[in-house]
């Protein structure tokens, strides 16, 4: 699959996340200490937007906390790290092309 433009690099500050819809899929892209990471923008427990969650750097991992019930997900692997979530989220490759952040679906 090709990489698709998500948004400008300047639109994603370090320590933040942003949701975007690409080919009908809602994707959350995060800037975790300079690492750009993308996952499906929904918690596998109860469909909350992960882009609205809190970004945590924990034991060298970039972790997103679901804003509704506090489940944690590893943004590099998609693994569910804490309850109530038990299913992982899908991850996507991300790259910077010029001034844009692109996601491969």
PDB file of N, CA and C in Angstrom:
ATOM      1  N   UNK A   1       0.832  -1.188   0.000  1.00  0.00           N
ATOM      2  CA  UNK A   1       0.000   0.000   0.000  1.00  0.00           C
ATOM      3  C   UNK A   1       0.874   1.249   0.000  1.00  0.00           C
ATOM      4  N   UNK A   2       0.405   2.297  -0.628  1.00  0.00           N
ATOM      5  CA  UNK A   2       1.186   3.535  -0.658  1.00  0.00           C
ATOM      6  C   UNK A   2       1.077   4.311   0.653  1.00  0.00           C
ATOM      7  N   UNK A   3       2.052   5.187   0.866  1.00  0.00           N
ATOM      8  CA  UNK A   3       1.974   6.122   1.983  1.00  0.00           C
ATOM      9  C   UNK A   3       1.035   7.246   1.586  1.00  0.00           C
ATOM     10  N   UNK A   4       0.207   7.694   2.532  1.00  0.00           N
ATOM     11  CA  UNK A   4      -0.754   8.766   2.299  1.00  0.00           C
ATOM     12  C   UNK A   4      -0.443   9.935   3.222  1.00  0.00           C
ATOM     13  N   UNK A   5      -0.562  11.147   2.691  1.00  0.00           N
ATOM     14  CA  UNK A   5      -0.311  12.332   3.501  1.00  0.00           C
ATOM     15  C   UNK A   5      -1.354  12.429   4.605  1.00  0.00           C
ATOM     16  N   UNK A   6      -0.874  12.557   5.858  1.00  0.00           N
ATOM     17  CA  UNK A   6      -1.761  12.726   6.997  1.00  0.00           C
ATOM     18  C   UNK A   6      -1.949  14.218   7.292  1.00  0.00           C
ATOM     19  N   UNK A   7      -0.838  14.918   7.474  1.00  0.00           N
ATOM     20  CA  UNK A   7      -0.855  16.352   7.746  1.00  0.00           C
ATOM     21  C   UNK A   7       0.579  16.860   7.770  1.00  0.00           C
ATOM     22  N   UNK A   8       0.727  18.182   7.941  1.00  0.00           N
ATOM     23  CA  UNK A   8       2.056  18.795   7.980  1.00  0.00           C
ATOM     24  C   UNK A   8       2.778  18.412   9.270  1.00  0.00           C
ATOM     25  N   UNK A   9       4.072  18.236   9.173  1.00  0.00           N
ATOM     26  CA  UNK A   9       4.904  17.897  10.326  1.00  0.00           C
ATOM     27  C   UNK A   9       4.724  18.925  11.445  1.00  0.00           C
ATOM     28  N   UNK A  10       4.549  20.184  11.072  1.00  0.00           N
ATOM     29  CA  UNK A  10       4.392  21.260  12.058  1.00  0.00           C
ATOM     30  C   UNK A  10       3.073  21.160  12.829  1.00  0.00           C
ATOM     31  N   UNK A  11       2.142  20.337  12.361  1.00  0.00           N
ATOM     32  CA  UNK A  11       0.848  20.177  13.042  1.00  0.00           C
ATOM     33  C   UNK A  11       0.882  19.163  14.189  1.00  0.00           C
ATOM     34  N   UNK A  12       2.029  18.524  14.415  1.00  0.00           N
ATOM     35  CA  UNK A  12       2.118  17.493  15.453  1.00  0.00           C
ATOM     36  C   UNK A  12       3.305  17.793  16.369  1.00  0.00           C
ATOM     37  N   UNK A  13       3.030  18.496  17.449  1.00  0.00           N
ATOM     38  CA  UNK A  13       4.074  18.872  18.399  1.00  0.00           C
ATOM     39  C   UNK A  13       4.556  17.653  19.181  1.00  0.00           C
ATOM     40  N   UNK A  14       5.808  17.673  19.644  1.00  0.00           N
ATOM     41  CA  UNK A  14       6.284  16.583  20.498  1.00  0.00           C
ATOM     42  C   UNK A  14       5.366  16.396  21.705  1.00  0.00           C
ATOM     43  N   UNK A  15       5.091  15.138  22.038  1.00  0.00           N
ATOM     44  CA  UNK A  15       4.232  14.828  23.172  1.00  0.00           C
ATOM     45  C   UNK A  15       2.752  14.908  22.879  1.00  0.00           C
ATOM     46  N   UNK A  16       2.391  14.979  21.599  1.00  0.00           N
ATOM     47  CA  UNK A  16       0.974  15.104  21.254  1.00  0.00           C
ATOM     48  C   UNK A  16       0.549  14.035  20.255  1.00  0.00           C
ATOM     49  N   UNK A  17      -0.765  13.942  20.072  1.00  0.00           N
ATOM     50  CA  UNK A  17      -1.352  13.036  19.095  1.00  0.00           C
ATOM     51  C   UNK A  17      -2.423  13.765  18.311  1.00  0.00           C
ATOM     52  N   UNK A  18      -2.715  13.252  17.128  1.00  0.00           N
ATOM     53  CA  UNK A  18      -3.702  13.888  16.262  1.00  0.00           C
ATOM     54  C   UNK A  18      -4.380  12.801  15.441  1.00  0.00           C
ATOM     55  N   UNK A  19      -5.702  12.902  15.292  1.00  0.00           N
ATOM     56  CA  UNK A  19      -6.454  11.948  14.488  1.00  0.00           C
ATOM     57  C   UNK A  19      -6.605  12.468  13.070  1.00  0.00           C
ATOM     58  N   UNK A  20      -6.641  11.531  12.135  1.00  0.00           N
ATOM     59  CA  UNK A  20      -6.833  11.850  10.726  1.00  0.00           C
ATOM     60  C   UNK A  20      -7.601  10.692  10.093  1.00  0.00           C
ATOM     61  N   UNK A  21      -8.405  10.995   9.075  1.00  0.00           N
ATOM     62  CA  UNK A  21      -9.106   9.935   8.341  1.00  0.00           C
ATOM     63  C   UNK A  21      -8.406   9.757   7.003  1.00  0.00           C
ATOM     64  N   UNK A  22      -7.924   8.540   6.745  1.00  0.00           N
ATOM     65  CA  UNK A  22      -7.233   8.202   5.501  1.00  0.00           C
ATOM     66  C   UNK A  22      -7.940   7.004   4.876  1.00  0.00           C
ATOM     67  N   UNK A  23      -8.388   7.154   3.650  1.00  0.00           N
ATOM     68  CA  UNK A  23      -9.127   6.076   2.965  1.00  0.00           C
ATOM     69  C   UNK A  23     -10.252   5.511   3.828  1.00  0.00           C
ATOM     70  N   UNK A  24     -10.952   6.383   4.541  1.00  0.00           N
ATOM     71  CA  UNK A  24     -12.080   5.955   5.352  1.00  0.00           C
ATOM     72  C   UNK A  24     -11.720   5.366   6.702  1.00  0.00           C
ATOM     73  N   UNK A  25     -10.422   5.300   7.043  1.00  0.00           N
ATOM     74  CA  UNK A  25      -9.989   4.747   8.336  1.00  0.00           C
ATOM     75  C   UNK A  25      -9.533   5.884   9.231  1.00  0.00           C
ATOM     76  N   UNK A  26      -9.980   5.863  10.477  1.00  0.00           N
ATOM     77  CA  UNK A  26      -9.545   6.877  11.441  1.00  0.00           C
ATOM     78  C   UNK A  26      -8.254   6.393  12.100  1.00  0.00           C
ATOM     79  N   UNK A  27      -7.190   7.171  11.897  1.00  0.00           N
ATOM     80  CA  UNK A  27      -5.848   6.830  12.373  1.00  0.00           C
ATOM     81  C   UNK A  27      -5.396   7.894  13.370  1.00  0.00           C
ATOM     82  N   UNK A  28      -4.735   7.474  14.442  1.00  0.00           N
ATOM     83  CA  UNK A  28      -4.131   8.389  15.407  1.00  0.00           C
ATOM     84  C   UNK A  28      -2.618   8.366  15.198  1.00  0.00           C
ATOM     85  N   UNK A  29      -2.032   9.539  15.028  1.00  0.00           N
ATOM     86  CA  UNK A  29      -0.590   9.668  14.837  1.00  0.00           C
ATOM     87  C   UNK A  29      -0.040  10.419  16.047  1.00  0.00           C
ATOM     88  N   UNK A  30       1.073   9.928  16.579  1.00  0.00           N
ATOM     89  CA  UNK A  30       1.669  10.500  17.786  1.00  0.00           C
ATOM     90  C   UNK A  30       3.118  10.877  17.550  1.00  0.00           C
ATOM     91  N   UNK A  31       3.548  11.931  18.245  1.00  0.00           N
ATOM     92  CA  UNK A  31       4.950  12.331  18.272  1.00  0.00           C
ATOM     93  C   UNK A  31       5.432  12.069  19.691  1.00  0.00           C
ATOM     94  N   UNK A  32       6.130  10.963  19.874  1.00  0.00           N
ATOM     95  CA  UNK A  32       6.616  10.552  21.197  1.00  0.00           C
ATOM     96  C   UNK A  32       8.130  10.725  21.231  1.00  0.00           C
ATOM     97  N   UNK A  33       8.582  11.815  21.826  1.00  0.00           N
ATOM     98  CA  UNK A  33      10.023  12.118  21.893  1.00  0.00           C
ATOM     99  C   UNK A  33      10.673  12.068  20.516  1.00  0.00           C
ATOM    100  N   UNK A  34       9.985  12.571  19.508  1.00  0.00           N
ATOM    101  CA  UNK A  34      10.519  12.608  18.147  1.00  0.00           C
ATOM    102  C   UNK A  34      10.194  11.390  17.309  1.00  0.00           C
ATOM    103  N   UNK A  35       9.752  10.303  17.940  1.00  0.00           N
ATOM    104  CA  UNK A  35       9.346   9.106  17.196  1.00  0.00           C
ATOM    105  C   UNK A  35       7.901   9.290  16.738  1.00  0.00           C
ATOM    106  N   UNK A  36       7.650   9.109  15.449  1.00  0.00           N
ATOM    107  CA  UNK A  36       6.293   9.215  14.914  1.00  0.00           C
ATOM    108  C   UNK A  36       5.694   7.823  14.823  1.00  0.00           C
ATOM    109  N   UNK A  37       4.540   7.646  15.462  1.00  0.00           N
ATOM    110  CA  UNK A  37       3.900   6.340  15.568  1.00  0.00           C
ATOM    111  C   UNK A  37       2.428   6.479  15.243  1.00  0.00           C
ATOM    112  N   UNK A  38       1.848   5.477  14.562  1.00  0.00           N
ATOM    113  CA  UNK A  38       0.431   5.536  14.176  1.00  0.00           C
ATOM    114  C   UNK A  38      -0.264   4.227  14.518  1.00  0.00           C
ATOM    115  N   UNK A  39      -1.509   4.367  14.994  1.00  0.00           N
ATOM    116  CA  UNK A  39      -2.364   3.226  15.328  1.00  0.00           C
ATOM    117  C   UNK A  39      -3.794   3.553  14.909  1.00  0.00           C
ATOM    118  N   UNK A  40      -4.645   2.518  14.869  1.00  0.00           N
ATOM    119  CA  UNK A  40      -6.077   2.787  14.691  1.00  0.00           C
ATOM    120  C   UNK A  40      -6.524   3.701  15.822  1.00  0.00           C
ATOM    121  N   UNK A  41      -7.376   4.677  15.492  1.00  0.00           N
ATOM    122  CA  UNK A  41      -7.799   5.658  16.493  1.00  0.00           C
ATOM    123  C   UNK A  41      -9.030   5.193  17.265  1.00  0.00           C
ATOM    124  N   UNK A  42      -8.925   4.016  17.854  1.00  0.00           N
ATOM    125  CA  UNK A  42      -9.993   3.565  18.747  1.00  0.00           C
ATOM    126  C   UNK A  42      -9.432   2.577  19.752  1.00  0.00           C
ATOM    127  N   UNK A  43      -9.927   2.677  20.952  1.00  0.00           N
ATOM    128  CA  UNK A  43      -9.561   1.726  21.990  1.00  0.00           C
ATOM    129  C   UNK A  43     -10.287   0.418  21.704  1.00  0.00           C
ATOM    130  N   UNK A  44      -9.590  -0.686  21.785  1.00  0.00           N
ATOM    131  CA  UNK A  44     -10.211  -1.980  21.501  1.00  0.00           C
ATOM    132  C   UNK A  44     -11.168  -2.410  22.608  1.00  0.00           C
ATOM    133  N   UNK A  45     -11.174  -1.699  23.716  1.00  0.00           N
ATOM    134  CA  UNK A  45     -12.108  -2.016  24.794  1.00  0.00           C
ATOM    135  C   UNK A  45     -13.467  -1.371  24.559  1.00  0.00           C
ATOM    136  N   UNK A  46     -13.484  -0.053  24.192  1.00  0.00           N
ATOM    137  CA  UNK A  46     -14.767   0.643  24.124  1.00  0.00           C
ATOM    138  C   UNK A  46     -14.797   1.772  23.094  1.00  0.00           C
ATOM    139  N   UNK A  47     -13.977   1.704  22.056  1.00  0.00           N
ATOM    140  CA  UNK A  47     -14.013   2.613  20.898  1.00  0.00           C
ATOM    141  C   UNK A  47     -13.689   4.080  21.169  1.00  0.00           C
ATOM    142  N   UNK A  48     -13.110   4.440  22.292  1.00  0.00           N
ATOM    143  CA  UNK A  48     -12.714   5.832  22.537  1.00  0.00           C
ATOM    144  C   UNK A  48     -11.605   6.228  21.576  1.00  0.00           C
ATOM    145  N   UNK A  49     -11.520   7.513  21.273  1.00  0.00           N
ATOM    146  CA  UNK A  49     -10.446   8.025  20.415  1.00  0.00           C
ATOM    147  C   UNK A  49      -9.129   8.042  21.182  1.00  0.00           C
ATOM    148  N   UNK A  50      -8.154   7.269  20.717  1.00  0.00           N
ATOM    149  CA  UNK A  50      -6.856   7.243  21.387  1.00  0.00           C
ATOM    150  C   UNK A  50      -6.091   8.541  21.178  1.00  0.00           C
ATOM    151  N   UNK A  51      -6.382   9.271  20.094  1.00  0.00           N
ATOM    152  CA  UNK A  51      -5.722  10.561  19.859  1.00  0.00           C
ATOM    153  C   UNK A  51      -6.035  11.541  20.984  1.00  0.00           C
ATOM    154  N   UNK A  52      -7.143  11.325  21.688  1.00  0.00           N
ATOM    155  CA  UNK A  52      -7.529  12.183  22.802  1.00  0.00           C
ATOM    156  C   UNK A  52      -6.922  11.727  24.125  1.00  0.00           C
ATOM    157  N   UNK A  53      -6.171  10.642  24.106  1.00  0.00           N
ATOM    158  CA  UNK A  53      -5.595  10.088  25.326  1.00  0.00           C
ATOM    159  C   UNK A  53      -4.300  10.766  25.728  1.00  0.00           C
ATOM    160  N   UNK A  54      -3.777  10.319  26.856  1.00  0.00           N
ATOM    161  CA  UNK A  54      -2.529  10.866  27.378  1.00  0.00           C
ATOM    162  C   UNK A  54      -1.339  10.046  26.917  1.00  0.00           C
ATOM    163  N   UNK A  55      -0.328  10.728  26.401  1.00  0.00           N
ATOM    164  CA  UNK A  55       0.895  10.077  25.925  1.00  0.00           C
ATOM    165  C   UNK A  55       1.868   9.950  27.086  1.00  0.00           C
ATOM    166  N   UNK A  56       2.401   8.747  27.271  1.00  0.00           N
ATOM    167  CA  UNK A  56       3.291   8.443  28.393  1.00  0.00           C
ATOM    168  C   UNK A  56       4.552   7.783  27.848  1.00  0.00           C
ATOM    169  N   UNK A  57       5.723   8.196  28.355  1.00  0.00           N
ATOM    170  CA  UNK A  57       6.956   7.460  28.079  1.00  0.00           C
ATOM    171  C   UNK A  57       7.236   6.653  29.335  1.00  0.00           C
ATOM    172  N   UNK A  58       7.195   5.325  29.192  1.00  0.00           N
ATOM    173  CA  UNK A  58       7.252   4.421  30.338  1.00  0.00           C
ATOM    174  C   UNK A  58       8.246   3.304  30.042  1.00  0.00           C
ATOM    175  N   UNK A  59       9.316   3.219  30.818  1.00  0.00           N
ATOM    176  CA  UNK A  59      10.338   2.180  30.635  1.00  0.00           C
ATOM    177  C   UNK A  59      10.854   2.145  29.196  1.00  0.00           C
ATOM    178  N   UNK A  60      11.052   3.322  28.595  1.00  0.00           N
ATOM    179  CA  UNK A  60      11.552   3.407  27.230  1.00  0.00           C
ATOM    180  C   UNK A  60      10.509   3.149  26.164  1.00  0.00           C
ATOM    181  N   UNK A  61       9.257   2.927  26.570  1.00  0.00           N
ATOM    182  CA  UNK A  61       8.178   2.673  25.616  1.00  0.00           C
ATOM    183  C   UNK A  61       7.310   3.914  25.476  1.00  0.00           C
ATOM    184  N   UNK A  62       6.777   4.086  24.283  1.00  0.00           N
ATOM    185  CA  UNK A  62       5.772   5.117  24.046  1.00  0.00           C
ATOM    186  C   UNK A  62       4.415   4.460  24.246  1.00  0.00           C
ATOM    187  N   UNK A  63       3.652   4.982  25.200  1.00  0.00           N
ATOM    188  CA  UNK A  63       2.389   4.380  25.601  1.00  0.00           C
ATOM    189  C   UNK A  63       1.287   5.428  25.499  1.00  0.00           C
ATOM    190  N   UNK A  64       0.122   5.015  25.004  1.00  0.00           N
ATOM    191  CA  UNK A  64      -1.049   5.893  24.999  1.00  0.00           C
ATOM    192  C   UNK A  64      -2.045   5.355  26.010  1.00  0.00           C
ATOM    193  N   UNK A  65      -2.632   6.267  26.790  1.00  0.00           N
ATOM    194  CA  UNK A  65      -3.652   5.896  27.768  1.00  0.00           C
ATOM    195  C   UNK A  65      -5.019   6.298  27.231  1.00  0.00           C
ATOM    196  N   UNK A  66      -5.927   5.346  27.151  1.00  0.00           N
ATOM    197  CA  UNK A  66      -7.281   5.616  26.687  1.00  0.00           C
ATOM    198  C   UNK A  66      -7.950   6.640  27.612  1.00  0.00           C
ATOM    199  N   UNK A  67      -8.574   7.674  27.031  1.00  0.00           N
ATOM    200  CA  UNK A  67      -9.178   8.708  27.866  1.00  0.00           C
ATOM    201  C   UNK A  67     -10.442   8.264  28.604  1.00  0.00           C
ATOM    202  N   UNK A  68     -11.070   7.173  28.192  1.00  0.00           N
ATOM    203  CA  UNK A  68     -12.313   6.754  28.841  1.00  0.00           C
ATOM    204  C   UNK A  68     -12.097   5.868  30.056  1.00  0.00           C
ATOM    205  N   UNK A  69     -11.330   4.786  29.911  1.00  0.00           N
ATOM    206  CA  UNK A  69     -11.209   3.823  31.007  1.00  0.00           C
ATOM    207  C   UNK A  69      -9.768   3.526  31.406  1.00  0.00           C
ATOM    208  N   UNK A  70      -8.801   4.244  30.817  1.00  0.00           N
ATOM    209  CA  UNK A  70      -7.422   4.151  31.272  1.00  0.00           C
ATOM    210  C   UNK A  70      -6.592   2.996  30.750  1.00  0.00           C
ATOM    211  N   UNK A  71      -7.079   2.243  29.773  1.00  0.00           N
ATOM    212  CA  UNK A  71      -6.262   1.165  29.206  1.00  0.00           C
ATOM    213  C   UNK A  71      -5.015   1.755  28.562  1.00  0.00           C
ATOM    214  N   UNK A  72      -3.901   1.048  28.660  1.00  0.00           N
ATOM    215  CA  UNK A  72      -2.641   1.493  28.059  1.00  0.00           C
ATOM    216  C   UNK A  72      -2.298   0.597  26.874  1.00  0.00           C
ATOM    217  N   UNK A  73      -1.760   1.224  25.808  1.00  0.00           N
ATOM    218  CA  UNK A  73      -1.310   0.507  24.621  1.00  0.00           C
ATOM    219  C   UNK A  73       0.110   0.936  24.275  1.00  0.00           C
ATOM    220  N   UNK A  74       0.946  -0.028  23.908  1.00  0.00           N
ATOM    221  CA  UNK A  74       2.287   0.249  23.409  1.00  0.00           C
ATOM    222  C   UNK A  74       2.144   0.741  21.971  1.00  0.00           C
ATOM    223  N   UNK A  75       2.582   1.963  21.696  1.00  0.00           N
ATOM    224  CA  UNK A  75       2.389   2.538  20.363  1.00  0.00           C
ATOM    225  C   UNK A  75       3.289   1.917  19.299  1.00  0.00           C
ATOM    226  N   UNK A  76       4.385   1.289  19.685  1.00  0.00           N
ATOM    227  CA  UNK A  76       5.258   0.647  18.691  1.00  0.00           C
ATOM    228  C   UNK A  76       4.725  -0.707  18.260  1.00  0.00           C
ATOM    229  N   UNK A  77       4.166  -1.455  19.200  1.00  0.00           N
ATOM    230  CA  UNK A  77       3.707  -2.817  18.888  1.00  0.00           C
ATOM    231  C   UNK A  77       2.187  -2.926  18.803  1.00  0.00           C
ATOM    232  N   UNK A  78       1.477  -1.971  19.404  1.00  0.00           N
ATOM    233  CA  UNK A  78       0.021  -2.036  19.474  1.00  0.00           C
ATOM    234  C   UNK A  78      -0.492  -2.864  20.634  1.00  0.00           C
ATOM    235  N   UNK A  79       0.384  -3.499  21.390  1.00  0.00           N
ATOM    236  CA  UNK A  79      -0.020  -4.400  22.474  1.00  0.00           C
ATOM    237  C   UNK A  79      -0.830  -3.678  23.545  1.00  0.00           C
ATOM    238  N   UNK A  80      -1.888  -4.339  24.006  1.00  0.00           N
ATOM    239  CA  UNK A  80      -2.651  -3.851  25.161  1.00  0.00           C
ATOM    240  C   UNK A  80      -1.825  -4.172  26.405  1.00  0.00           C
ATOM    241  N   UNK A  81      -1.499  -3.141  27.186  1.00  0.00           N
ATOM    242  CA  UNK A  81      -0.625  -3.325  28.339  1.00  0.00           C
ATOM    243  C   UNK A  81      -1.382  -3.424  29.655  1.00  0.00           C
ATOM    244  N   UNK A  82      -2.578  -2.850  29.700  1.00  0.00           N
ATOM    245  CA  UNK A  82      -3.357  -2.879  30.937  1.00  0.00           C
ATOM    246  C   UNK A  82      -4.834  -3.109  30.626  1.00  0.00           C
ATOM    247  N   UNK A  83      -5.539  -3.623  31.619  1.00  0.00           N
ATOM    248  CA  UNK A  83      -6.987  -3.777  31.525  1.00  0.00           C
ATOM    249  C   UNK A  83      -7.624  -2.398  31.580  1.00  0.00           C
ATOM    250  N   UNK A  84      -8.801  -2.210  31.049  1.00  0.00           N
ATOM    251  CA  UNK A  84      -9.736  -3.230  30.611  1.00  0.00           C
ATOM    252  C   UNK A  84      -9.498  -3.743  29.194  1.00  0.00           C
ATOM    253  N   UNK A  85      -8.548  -3.169  28.440  1.00  0.00           N
ATOM    254  CA  UNK A  85      -8.285  -3.649  27.077  1.00  0.00           C
ATOM    255  C   UNK A  85      -7.466  -4.932  27.118  1.00  0.00           C
ATOM    256  N   UNK A  86      -7.816  -5.887  26.252  1.00  0.00           N
ATOM    257  CA  UNK A  86      -7.049  -7.122  26.135  1.00  0.00           C
ATOM    258  C   UNK A  86      -6.591  -7.359  24.694  1.00  0.00           C
ATOM    259  N   UNK A  87      -7.217  -6.689  23.730  1.00  0.00           N
ATOM    260  CA  UNK A  87      -6.851  -6.840  22.318  1.00  0.00           C
ATOM    261  C   UNK A  87      -5.935  -5.700  21.899  1.00  0.00           C
ATOM    262  N   UNK A  88      -4.931  -5.995  21.070  1.00  0.00           N
ATOM    263  CA  UNK A  88      -4.029  -4.935  20.599  1.00  0.00           C
ATOM    264  C   UNK A  88      -4.722  -4.013  19.592  1.00  0.00           C
ATOM    265  N   UNK A  89      -4.121  -2.848  19.367  1.00  0.00           N
ATOM    266  CA  UNK A  89      -4.547  -1.960  18.284  1.00  0.00           C
ATOM    267  C   UNK A  89      -3.603  -2.170  17.109  1.00  0.00           C
ATOM    268  N   UNK A  90      -4.107  -1.956  15.911  1.00  0.00           N
ATOM    269  CA  UNK A  90      -3.290  -2.108  14.715  1.00  0.00           C
ATOM    270  C   UNK A  90      -2.348  -0.916  14.589  1.00  0.00           C
ATOM    271  N   UNK A  91      -1.096  -1.190  14.231  1.00  0.00           N
ATOM    272  CA  UNK A  91      -0.090  -0.145  14.029  1.00  0.00           C
ATOM    273  C   UNK A  91       0.160   0.053  12.539  1.00  0.00           C
ATOM    274  N   UNK A  92       0.703   1.221  12.188  1.00  0.00           N
ATOM    275  CA  UNK A  92       0.974   1.560  10.792  1.00  0.00           C
ATOM    276  C   UNK A  92       2.344   2.207  10.669  1.00  0.00           C
ATOM    277  N   UNK A  93       3.068   1.927   9.581  1.00  0.00           N
ATOM    278  CA  UNK A  93       4.333   2.613   9.335  1.00  0.00           C
ATOM    279  C   UNK A  93       4.086   4.107   9.085  1.00  0.00           C
ATOM    280  N   UNK A  94       5.007   4.926   9.573  1.00  0.00           N
ATOM    281  CA  UNK A  94       4.935   6.377   9.412  1.00  0.00           C
ATOM    282  C   UNK A  94       6.273   6.861   8.878  1.00  0.00           C
ATOM    283  N   UNK A  95       6.227   7.885   8.019  1.00  0.00           N
ATOM    284  CA  UNK A  95       7.461   8.504   7.541  1.00  0.00           C
ATOM    285  C   UNK A  95       7.228  10.000   7.368  1.00  0.00           C
ATOM    286  N   UNK A  96       8.336  10.733   7.301  1.00  0.00           N
ATOM    287  CA  UNK A  96       8.284  12.150   6.984  1.00  0.00           C
ATOM    288  C   UNK A  96       8.776  12.297   5.556  1.00  0.00           C
ATOM    289  N   UNK A  97       7.990  12.960   4.744  1.00  0.00           N
ATOM    290  CA  UNK A  97       8.322  13.214   3.337  1.00  0.00           C
ATOM    291  C   UNK A  97       8.242  14.726   3.147  1.00  0.00           C
ATOM    292  N   UNK A  98       9.416  15.371   3.065  1.00  0.00           N
ATOM    293  CA  UNK A  98       9.434  16.825   3.000  1.00  0.00           C
ATOM    294  C   UNK A  98       8.916  17.401   4.303  1.00  0.00           C
ATOM    295  N   UNK A  99       7.869  18.205   4.210  1.00  0.00           N
ATOM    296  CA  UNK A  99       7.265  18.818   5.404  1.00  0.00           C
ATOM    297  C   UNK A  99       6.033  18.067   5.889  1.00  0.00           C
ATOM    298  N   UNK A 100       5.749  16.896   5.294  1.00  0.00           N
ATOM    299  CA  UNK A 100       4.536  16.157   5.608  1.00  0.00           C
ATOM    300  C   UNK A 100       4.790  14.862   6.354  1.00  0.00           C
ATOM    301  N   UNK A 101       3.844  14.503   7.200  1.00  0.00           N
ATOM    302  CA  UNK A 101       3.824  13.189   7.839  1.00  0.00           C
ATOM    303  C   UNK A 101       2.928  12.311   7.001  1.00  0.00           C
ATOM    304  N   UNK A 102       3.424  11.119   6.658  1.00  0.00           N
ATOM    305  CA  UNK A 102       2.666  10.176   5.828  1.00  0.00           C
ATOM    306  C   UNK A 102       2.522   8.856   6.565  1.00  0.00           C
ATOM    307  N   UNK A 103       1.387   8.202   6.352  1.00  0.00           N
ATOM    308  CA  UNK A 103       1.073   6.916   6.977  1.00  0.00           C
ATOM    309  C   UNK A 103       0.810   5.896   5.879  1.00  0.00           C
ATOM    310  N   UNK A 104       1.351   4.698   6.041  1.00  0.00           N
ATOM    311  CA  UNK A 104       1.091   3.614   5.101  1.00  0.00           C
ATOM    312  C   UNK A 104      -0.026   2.744   5.649  1.00  0.00           C
ATOM    313  N   UNK A 105      -1.115   2.636   4.893  1.00  0.00           N
ATOM    314  CA  UNK A 105      -2.246   1.818   5.346  1.00  0.00           C
ATOM    315  C   UNK A 105      -2.103   0.378   4.887  1.00  0.00           C
TER     316      UNK A 105
END
